[in-house]
């Protein structure tokens, strides 16, 4: 049985296995996040297989059927340090998208994710509306200390020139 699986695996290669699409990961890629309110930060295709080739990033709203395409050249392995990911931007906030790469005859499996939902800044409560008791006490202490220091400086200047 294992021999049959091995032979089938060599005769029928997986076209989807070579081309991978994923979001950039904060733990392994050194980014803060891969999902934004209006964008996704996608990991670039493998530079050893697809370096210097034209890639198409196809995406659509999950509920819609209109495909959108963005094209770019996959950087070579020498240039990969300067550009580590592809920013798919100008998306709708809080919307589910399906994305996949297409390079020549290779197509990745679709990646489905949702942009983050953003609150209107006028809805965010600013916190304390008035000064708290602790803030008043600290302000009084600092004001008195400044007055004492200023009085001491004037006193030292007055008696140092005698």
N, C-alpha and C. Protein backbone atom coordinates (compact mmCIF):
# COMPACT_ATOMS: atom_id res chain seq x y z
N UNK A 1 0.83 -1.19 0.00
CA UNK A 1 0.00 0.00 0.00
C UNK A 1 0.87 1.26 0.00
N UNK A 2 1.94 1.22 0.78
CA UNK A 2 2.84 2.36 0.85
C UNK A 2 3.52 2.58 -0.49
N UNK A 3 3.85 1.50 -1.19
CA UNK A 3 4.48 1.62 -2.51
C UNK A 3 3.52 2.26 -3.51
N UNK A 4 2.24 1.90 -3.45
CA UNK A 4 1.24 2.48 -4.35
C UNK A 4 1.12 3.98 -4.10
N UNK A 5 1.09 4.40 -2.83
CA UNK A 5 1.00 5.82 -2.50
C UNK A 5 2.25 6.56 -2.98
N UNK A 6 3.39 5.95 -2.85
CA UNK A 6 4.64 6.58 -3.29
C UNK A 6 4.64 6.78 -4.81
N UNK A 7 4.21 5.76 -5.53
CA UNK A 7 4.17 5.85 -7.00
C UNK A 7 3.15 6.88 -7.44
N UNK A 8 1.98 6.91 -6.80
CA UNK A 8 0.95 7.90 -7.15
C UNK A 8 1.44 9.31 -6.83
N UNK A 9 2.19 9.44 -5.75
CA UNK A 9 2.71 10.75 -5.38
C UNK A 9 3.73 11.28 -6.36
N UNK A 10 4.52 10.39 -6.94
CA UNK A 10 5.52 10.84 -7.92
C UNK A 10 4.91 11.07 -9.30
N UNK A 11 3.89 10.31 -9.65
CA UNK A 11 3.27 10.46 -10.96
C UNK A 11 2.28 11.61 -11.01
N UNK A 12 1.65 11.92 -9.91
CA UNK A 12 0.62 12.97 -9.84
C UNK A 12 1.09 14.06 -8.88
N UNK A 13 1.94 14.97 -9.31
CA UNK A 13 2.41 16.01 -8.39
C UNK A 13 1.28 16.96 -8.03
N UNK A 14 1.37 17.51 -6.85
CA UNK A 14 0.36 18.47 -6.39
C UNK A 14 0.74 19.86 -6.90
N UNK A 15 -0.05 20.40 -7.77
CA UNK A 15 0.22 21.74 -8.28
C UNK A 15 0.00 22.79 -7.21
N UNK A 16 -0.90 22.54 -6.28
CA UNK A 16 -1.21 23.52 -5.25
C UNK A 16 -0.18 23.53 -4.13
N UNK A 17 0.62 22.51 -3.99
CA UNK A 17 1.54 22.43 -2.86
C UNK A 17 2.71 23.39 -3.01
N UNK A 18 3.14 23.68 -4.24
CA UNK A 18 4.33 24.49 -4.44
C UNK A 18 4.06 25.97 -4.15
N UNK A 19 2.94 26.48 -4.53
CA UNK A 19 2.62 27.89 -4.37
C UNK A 19 1.74 28.07 -3.14
N UNK A 20 2.29 28.75 -2.15
CA UNK A 20 1.60 28.90 -0.88
C UNK A 20 1.25 30.37 -0.68
N UNK A 21 0.10 30.63 -0.07
CA UNK A 21 -0.29 31.99 0.29
C UNK A 21 -0.66 31.99 1.77
N UNK A 22 -0.12 32.97 2.48
CA UNK A 22 -0.43 33.10 3.90
C UNK A 22 -0.17 34.53 4.34
N UNK A 23 -0.77 34.90 5.46
CA UNK A 23 -0.54 36.21 6.04
C UNK A 23 0.80 36.20 6.76
N UNK A 24 1.42 37.36 6.86
CA UNK A 24 2.67 37.44 7.61
C UNK A 24 2.34 37.27 9.09
N UNK A 25 3.20 36.57 9.79
CA UNK A 25 2.98 36.18 11.17
C UNK A 25 3.83 37.03 12.11
N UNK A 26 3.23 37.61 13.16
CA UNK A 26 4.02 38.42 14.09
C UNK A 26 5.13 37.64 14.81
N UNK A 27 4.92 36.37 15.11
CA UNK A 27 5.92 35.61 15.83
C UNK A 27 7.13 35.27 14.96
N UNK A 28 6.91 34.92 13.70
CA UNK A 28 8.02 34.45 12.88
C UNK A 28 8.54 35.48 11.88
N UNK A 29 7.74 36.46 11.50
CA UNK A 29 8.15 37.40 10.46
C UNK A 29 8.56 38.77 10.99
N UNK A 30 8.38 39.01 12.28
CA UNK A 30 8.80 40.29 12.85
C UNK A 30 7.91 41.46 12.49
N UNK A 31 6.64 41.21 12.21
CA UNK A 31 5.70 42.30 11.94
C UNK A 31 4.74 42.40 13.11
N UNK A 32 4.07 43.54 13.23
CA UNK A 32 3.11 43.70 14.32
C UNK A 32 1.85 42.90 14.07
N UNK A 33 1.37 42.91 12.83
CA UNK A 33 0.18 42.15 12.47
C UNK A 33 0.14 41.95 10.96
N UNK A 34 -0.63 40.98 10.53
CA UNK A 34 -0.82 40.75 9.10
C UNK A 34 -2.19 41.21 8.63
N UNK A 35 -3.05 41.57 9.60
CA UNK A 35 -4.42 41.98 9.28
C UNK A 35 -4.63 43.41 9.76
N UNK A 36 -5.07 44.27 8.88
CA UNK A 36 -5.35 45.65 9.21
C UNK A 36 -6.83 45.94 8.95
N UNK A 37 -7.24 47.18 9.20
CA UNK A 37 -8.65 47.53 9.00
C UNK A 37 -9.02 47.59 7.52
N UNK A 38 -8.05 47.92 6.67
CA UNK A 38 -8.34 48.01 5.24
C UNK A 38 -7.28 47.32 4.39
N UNK A 39 -6.51 46.39 4.99
CA UNK A 39 -5.43 45.75 4.24
C UNK A 39 -5.03 44.42 4.86
N UNK A 40 -4.34 43.61 4.05
CA UNK A 40 -3.71 42.37 4.51
C UNK A 40 -2.24 42.45 4.11
N UNK A 41 -1.36 41.94 4.97
CA UNK A 41 0.06 41.85 4.66
C UNK A 41 0.36 40.38 4.38
N UNK A 42 0.56 40.08 3.10
CA UNK A 42 0.72 38.69 2.65
C UNK A 42 2.18 38.33 2.49
N UNK A 43 2.50 37.10 2.81
CA UNK A 43 3.85 36.58 2.60
C UNK A 43 4.06 36.41 1.10
N UNK A 44 5.24 36.79 0.62
CA UNK A 44 5.55 36.68 -0.80
C UNK A 44 5.73 35.21 -1.20
N UNK A 45 5.50 34.89 -2.47
CA UNK A 45 5.78 33.52 -2.93
C UNK A 45 7.27 33.20 -2.80
N UNK A 46 7.59 31.93 -2.81
CA UNK A 46 8.95 31.45 -2.62
C UNK A 46 9.87 32.03 -3.71
N UNK A 47 10.96 32.66 -3.28
CA UNK A 47 11.85 33.31 -4.24
C UNK A 47 12.70 32.31 -5.02
N UNK A 48 12.93 31.12 -4.47
CA UNK A 48 13.74 30.14 -5.21
C UNK A 48 12.99 29.57 -6.41
N UNK A 49 11.69 29.43 -6.30
CA UNK A 49 10.90 28.89 -7.41
C UNK A 49 10.32 29.97 -8.30
N UNK A 50 9.96 31.12 -7.71
CA UNK A 50 9.21 32.12 -8.46
C UNK A 50 9.90 33.48 -8.53
N UNK A 51 11.17 33.56 -8.15
CA UNK A 51 11.89 34.83 -8.18
C UNK A 51 11.94 35.42 -9.58
N UNK A 52 11.71 36.73 -9.67
CA UNK A 52 11.75 37.49 -10.91
C UNK A 52 10.66 37.08 -11.91
N UNK A 53 9.57 36.48 -11.42
CA UNK A 53 8.44 36.12 -12.29
C UNK A 53 7.24 37.00 -11.94
N UNK A 54 6.39 37.24 -12.93
CA UNK A 54 5.19 38.04 -12.71
C UNK A 54 4.15 37.21 -11.97
N UNK A 55 3.66 37.77 -10.85
CA UNK A 55 2.64 37.09 -10.04
C UNK A 55 1.36 37.91 -10.07
N UNK A 56 0.24 37.23 -10.07
CA UNK A 56 -1.07 37.86 -9.96
C UNK A 56 -1.67 37.47 -8.62
N UNK A 57 -2.10 38.48 -7.88
CA UNK A 57 -2.82 38.25 -6.64
C UNK A 57 -4.29 38.51 -6.94
N UNK A 58 -5.08 37.46 -6.93
CA UNK A 58 -6.51 37.58 -7.18
C UNK A 58 -7.22 37.60 -5.84
N UNK A 59 -8.19 38.46 -5.70
CA UNK A 59 -8.96 38.54 -4.46
C UNK A 59 -10.38 38.97 -4.76
N UNK A 60 -11.27 38.58 -3.86
CA UNK A 60 -12.67 38.97 -3.99
C UNK A 60 -13.31 38.97 -2.62
N UNK A 61 -14.37 39.76 -2.49
CA UNK A 61 -15.16 39.69 -1.27
C UNK A 61 -15.77 38.30 -1.19
N UNK A 62 -15.81 37.73 0.00
CA UNK A 62 -16.25 36.35 0.15
C UNK A 62 -17.67 36.15 -0.34
N UNK A 63 -18.52 37.16 -0.12
CA UNK A 63 -19.92 37.03 -0.54
C UNK A 63 -20.13 37.43 -1.99
N UNK A 64 -19.14 38.10 -2.59
CA UNK A 64 -19.29 38.57 -3.96
C UNK A 64 -18.71 37.61 -4.97
N UNK A 65 -18.78 38.00 -6.23
CA UNK A 65 -18.24 37.15 -7.28
C UNK A 65 -17.35 37.91 -8.24
N UNK A 66 -17.03 39.17 -7.93
CA UNK A 66 -16.17 39.97 -8.80
C UNK A 66 -14.71 39.78 -8.38
N UNK A 67 -13.90 39.21 -9.27
CA UNK A 67 -12.48 39.03 -9.00
C UNK A 67 -11.73 40.32 -9.27
N UNK A 68 -10.83 40.66 -8.36
CA UNK A 68 -9.93 41.79 -8.54
C UNK A 68 -8.52 41.23 -8.64
N UNK A 69 -7.66 41.88 -9.40
CA UNK A 69 -6.31 41.38 -9.60
C UNK A 69 -5.29 42.49 -9.36
N UNK A 70 -4.22 42.14 -8.66
CA UNK A 70 -3.06 43.01 -8.50
C UNK A 70 -1.86 42.22 -8.98
N UNK A 71 -1.04 42.81 -9.80
CA UNK A 71 0.13 42.14 -10.36
C UNK A 71 1.40 42.74 -9.80
N UNK A 72 2.40 41.91 -9.60
CA UNK A 72 3.71 42.35 -9.12
C UNK A 72 4.74 41.32 -9.53
N UNK A 73 5.99 41.72 -9.49
CA UNK A 73 7.10 40.82 -9.79
C UNK A 73 7.63 40.29 -8.47
N UNK A 74 7.73 38.96 -8.35
CA UNK A 74 8.27 38.35 -7.14
C UNK A 74 9.75 38.68 -7.06
N UNK A 75 10.22 39.27 -5.95
CA UNK A 75 11.64 39.61 -5.86
C UNK A 75 12.52 38.37 -5.85
N UNK A 76 13.74 38.53 -6.36
CA UNK A 76 14.70 37.42 -6.32
C UNK A 76 15.17 37.23 -4.89
N UNK A 77 15.84 36.14 -4.64
CA UNK A 77 16.30 35.84 -3.28
C UNK A 77 17.33 36.86 -2.79
N UNK A 78 18.05 37.51 -3.72
CA UNK A 78 19.01 38.56 -3.32
C UNK A 78 18.29 39.81 -2.86
N UNK A 79 17.11 40.10 -3.41
CA UNK A 79 16.36 41.31 -3.08
C UNK A 79 15.31 41.09 -2.00
N UNK A 80 15.20 39.89 -1.49
CA UNK A 80 14.09 39.57 -0.56
C UNK A 80 14.22 40.31 0.77
N UNK A 81 15.43 40.74 1.14
CA UNK A 81 15.62 41.44 2.41
C UNK A 81 14.92 42.79 2.40
N UNK A 82 14.89 43.44 1.24
CA UNK A 82 14.28 44.77 1.18
C UNK A 82 12.76 44.71 1.15
N UNK A 83 12.20 43.62 0.64
CA UNK A 83 10.75 43.51 0.55
C UNK A 83 10.35 42.11 1.00
N UNK A 84 9.70 42.01 2.16
CA UNK A 84 9.37 40.71 2.71
C UNK A 84 7.92 40.31 2.51
N UNK A 85 7.05 41.28 2.26
CA UNK A 85 5.64 40.96 2.12
C UNK A 85 4.98 41.86 1.10
N UNK A 86 3.76 41.48 0.73
CA UNK A 86 2.97 42.28 -0.21
C UNK A 86 1.76 42.83 0.53
N UNK A 87 1.57 44.14 0.47
CA UNK A 87 0.45 44.79 1.14
C UNK A 87 -0.71 44.90 0.17
N UNK A 88 -1.76 44.15 0.44
CA UNK A 88 -3.01 44.23 -0.32
C UNK A 88 -3.89 45.25 0.40
N UNK A 89 -4.00 46.45 -0.17
CA UNK A 89 -4.70 47.52 0.54
C UNK A 89 -5.93 47.99 -0.21
N UNK A 90 -6.54 49.04 0.31
CA UNK A 90 -7.78 49.63 -0.21
C UNK A 90 -8.95 48.64 -0.16
N UNK A 91 -9.05 47.92 0.96
CA UNK A 91 -10.14 46.97 1.17
C UNK A 91 -11.18 47.59 2.10
N UNK A 92 -12.32 46.95 2.21
CA UNK A 92 -13.38 47.43 3.10
C UNK A 92 -13.15 46.89 4.51
N UNK A 93 -13.42 47.72 5.50
CA UNK A 93 -13.22 47.31 6.89
C UNK A 93 -14.28 46.30 7.31
N UNK A 94 -13.87 45.31 8.09
CA UNK A 94 -14.79 44.30 8.60
C UNK A 94 -15.37 43.38 7.54
N UNK A 95 -14.68 43.19 6.43
CA UNK A 95 -15.19 42.39 5.31
C UNK A 95 -14.34 41.15 5.14
N UNK A 96 -15.00 40.03 4.81
CA UNK A 96 -14.31 38.76 4.58
C UNK A 96 -13.87 38.68 3.13
N UNK A 97 -12.59 38.34 2.93
CA UNK A 97 -12.03 38.25 1.59
C UNK A 97 -11.43 36.87 1.35
N UNK A 98 -11.41 36.48 0.09
CA UNK A 98 -10.75 35.27 -0.35
C UNK A 98 -9.65 35.70 -1.33
N UNK A 99 -8.40 35.21 -1.11
CA UNK A 99 -7.25 35.64 -1.90
C UNK A 99 -6.47 34.42 -2.35
N UNK A 100 -5.85 34.51 -3.53
CA UNK A 100 -4.98 33.44 -4.00
C UNK A 100 -3.99 34.00 -5.01
N UNK A 101 -2.81 33.36 -5.05
CA UNK A 101 -1.76 33.72 -6.01
C UNK A 101 -1.92 32.90 -7.28
N UNK A 102 -1.52 33.50 -8.40
CA UNK A 102 -1.47 32.80 -9.69
C UNK A 102 -0.17 33.23 -10.38
N UNK A 103 0.72 32.25 -10.58
CA UNK A 103 1.98 32.51 -11.28
C UNK A 103 2.09 31.48 -12.39
N UNK A 104 2.04 31.96 -13.63
CA UNK A 104 2.03 31.09 -14.82
C UNK A 104 0.92 30.05 -14.69
N UNK A 105 1.26 28.76 -14.58
CA UNK A 105 0.24 27.72 -14.49
C UNK A 105 -0.02 27.28 -13.05
N UNK A 106 0.69 27.86 -12.08
CA UNK A 106 0.52 27.48 -10.67
C UNK A 106 -0.47 28.42 -10.00
N UNK A 107 -1.39 27.82 -9.26
CA UNK A 107 -2.38 28.59 -8.49
C UNK A 107 -2.39 28.06 -7.07
N UNK A 108 -2.36 28.97 -6.11
CA UNK A 108 -2.39 28.55 -4.71
C UNK A 108 -3.81 28.24 -4.27
N UNK A 109 -3.91 27.56 -3.17
CA UNK A 109 -5.21 27.37 -2.54
C UNK A 109 -5.69 28.71 -2.01
N UNK A 110 -6.98 28.97 -1.99
CA UNK A 110 -7.45 30.27 -1.52
C UNK A 110 -7.25 30.45 -0.02
N UNK A 111 -6.93 31.67 0.36
CA UNK A 111 -6.81 32.07 1.76
C UNK A 111 -7.98 32.98 2.06
N UNK A 112 -8.72 32.66 3.11
CA UNK A 112 -9.89 33.45 3.48
C UNK A 112 -9.66 34.07 4.84
N UNK A 113 -9.84 35.39 4.93
CA UNK A 113 -9.69 36.09 6.20
C UNK A 113 -10.52 37.37 6.17
N UNK A 114 -10.67 38.00 7.34
CA UNK A 114 -11.52 39.18 7.49
C UNK A 114 -10.70 40.36 7.97
N UNK A 115 -10.90 41.51 7.35
CA UNK A 115 -10.24 42.72 7.84
C UNK A 115 -10.84 43.10 9.19
N UNK A 116 -10.06 43.79 10.00
CA UNK A 116 -10.53 44.14 11.34
C UNK A 116 -11.59 45.23 11.27
N UNK A 117 -12.47 45.22 12.25
CA UNK A 117 -13.52 46.22 12.35
C UNK A 117 -13.00 47.40 13.16
N UNK A 118 -13.27 48.59 12.69
CA UNK A 118 -12.76 49.79 13.34
C UNK A 118 -13.92 50.59 13.89
N UNK A 119 -13.75 51.11 15.10
CA UNK A 119 -14.76 51.98 15.71
C UNK A 119 -14.52 53.42 15.25
N UNK A 120 -15.60 54.17 15.14
CA UNK A 120 -15.50 55.58 14.82
C UNK A 120 -14.81 56.29 15.98
N UNK A 121 -13.86 57.15 15.69
CA UNK A 121 -13.10 57.79 16.77
C UNK A 121 -13.97 58.68 17.66
N UNK A 122 -15.11 59.15 17.16
CA UNK A 122 -15.99 59.96 18.00
C UNK A 122 -16.76 59.12 19.01
N UNK A 123 -16.80 57.81 18.80
CA UNK A 123 -17.49 56.91 19.72
C UNK A 123 -16.63 56.50 20.90
N UNK A 124 -15.31 56.70 20.79
CA UNK A 124 -14.38 56.27 21.84
C UNK A 124 -14.44 57.26 22.99
N UNK A 125 -14.64 56.77 24.20
CA UNK A 125 -14.69 57.61 25.38
C UNK A 125 -13.26 57.97 25.78
N UNK A 126 -13.04 59.23 26.02
CA UNK A 126 -11.70 59.72 26.33
C UNK A 126 -11.23 59.39 27.73
N UNK A 127 -12.06 58.80 28.56
CA UNK A 127 -11.64 58.48 29.91
C UNK A 127 -12.12 59.54 30.88
N UNK A 128 -11.22 60.01 31.73
CA UNK A 128 -11.54 60.98 32.78
C UNK A 128 -11.96 62.31 32.18
N UNK A 129 -13.11 62.81 32.58
CA UNK A 129 -13.58 64.09 32.07
C UNK A 129 -13.09 65.25 32.94
N UNK A 130 -12.76 65.00 34.18
CA UNK A 130 -12.28 66.04 35.09
C UNK A 130 -11.03 65.54 35.80
N UNK A 131 -10.40 66.42 36.55
CA UNK A 131 -9.21 66.01 37.28
C UNK A 131 -9.59 65.17 38.49
N UNK A 132 -8.83 64.14 38.71
CA UNK A 132 -9.07 63.32 39.89
C UNK A 132 -8.37 63.97 41.08
N UNK A 133 -8.69 63.49 42.27
CA UNK A 133 -8.07 64.02 43.49
C UNK A 133 -6.57 63.84 43.50
N UNK A 134 -6.09 62.71 42.99
CA UNK A 134 -4.66 62.45 42.96
C UNK A 134 -3.94 63.43 42.04
N UNK A 135 -4.56 63.77 40.92
CA UNK A 135 -3.95 64.73 40.01
C UNK A 135 -3.85 66.11 40.66
N UNK A 136 -4.85 66.51 41.42
CA UNK A 136 -4.83 67.80 42.11
C UNK A 136 -3.73 67.82 43.17
N UNK A 137 -3.60 66.74 43.93
CA UNK A 137 -2.57 66.68 44.97
C UNK A 137 -1.17 66.75 44.36
N UNK A 138 -0.95 66.00 43.28
CA UNK A 138 0.37 66.02 42.64
C UNK A 138 0.67 67.41 42.08
N UNK A 139 -0.32 68.07 41.50
CA UNK A 139 -0.13 69.41 40.96
C UNK A 139 0.23 70.40 42.07
N UNK A 140 -0.44 70.33 43.21
CA UNK A 140 -0.15 71.22 44.34
C UNK A 140 1.25 70.97 44.88
N UNK A 141 1.62 69.70 45.05
CA UNK A 141 2.96 69.37 45.57
C UNK A 141 4.04 69.89 44.62
N UNK A 142 3.88 69.68 43.32
CA UNK A 142 4.87 70.15 42.36
C UNK A 142 4.93 71.67 42.31
N UNK A 143 3.80 72.34 42.44
CA UNK A 143 3.79 73.81 42.44
C UNK A 143 4.50 74.36 43.66
N UNK A 144 4.25 73.80 44.84
CA UNK A 144 4.91 74.24 46.07
C UNK A 144 6.42 73.97 45.98
N UNK A 145 6.79 72.79 45.48
CA UNK A 145 8.22 72.47 45.35
C UNK A 145 8.91 73.44 44.39
N UNK A 146 8.26 73.80 43.30
CA UNK A 146 8.84 74.75 42.36
C UNK A 146 8.98 76.13 43.00
N UNK A 147 8.01 76.55 43.79
CA UNK A 147 8.09 77.84 44.47
C UNK A 147 9.23 77.85 45.47
N UNK A 148 9.42 76.76 46.21
CA UNK A 148 10.53 76.67 47.19
C UNK A 148 11.86 76.71 46.45
N UNK A 149 12.01 75.99 45.36
CA UNK A 149 13.25 76.01 44.59
C UNK A 149 13.54 77.39 44.02
N UNK A 150 12.52 78.05 43.51
CA UNK A 150 12.70 79.39 42.96
C UNK A 150 13.10 80.38 44.05
N UNK A 151 12.44 80.29 45.22
CA UNK A 151 12.80 81.17 46.35
C UNK A 151 14.24 80.89 46.79
N UNK A 152 14.64 79.64 46.85
CA UNK A 152 16.01 79.29 47.22
C UNK A 152 17.03 79.81 46.22
N UNK A 153 16.71 79.78 44.95
CA UNK A 153 17.61 80.28 43.92
C UNK A 153 17.78 81.79 44.05
N UNK A 154 16.68 82.50 44.29
CA UNK A 154 16.74 83.95 44.47
C UNK A 154 17.55 84.28 45.73
N UNK A 155 17.36 83.54 46.80
CA UNK A 155 18.08 83.75 48.05
C UNK A 155 19.58 83.54 47.83
N UNK A 156 19.96 82.48 47.13
CA UNK A 156 21.38 82.21 46.88
C UNK A 156 22.00 83.28 46.00
N UNK A 157 21.29 83.76 45.00
CA UNK A 157 21.81 84.79 44.13
C UNK A 157 21.99 86.10 44.87
N UNK A 158 21.05 86.41 45.78
CA UNK A 158 21.12 87.67 46.53
C UNK A 158 22.29 87.66 47.48
N UNK A 159 22.59 86.55 48.13
CA UNK A 159 23.66 86.52 49.12
C UNK A 159 25.02 86.11 48.53
N UNK A 160 25.08 85.70 47.32
CA UNK A 160 26.36 85.29 46.75
C UNK A 160 27.17 86.50 46.25
N UNK A 161 26.52 87.63 45.95
CA UNK A 161 27.23 88.81 45.45
C UNK A 161 27.63 89.76 46.57
N UNK A 162 27.43 89.47 47.83
CA UNK A 162 27.81 90.35 48.95
C UNK A 162 29.24 90.26 49.27
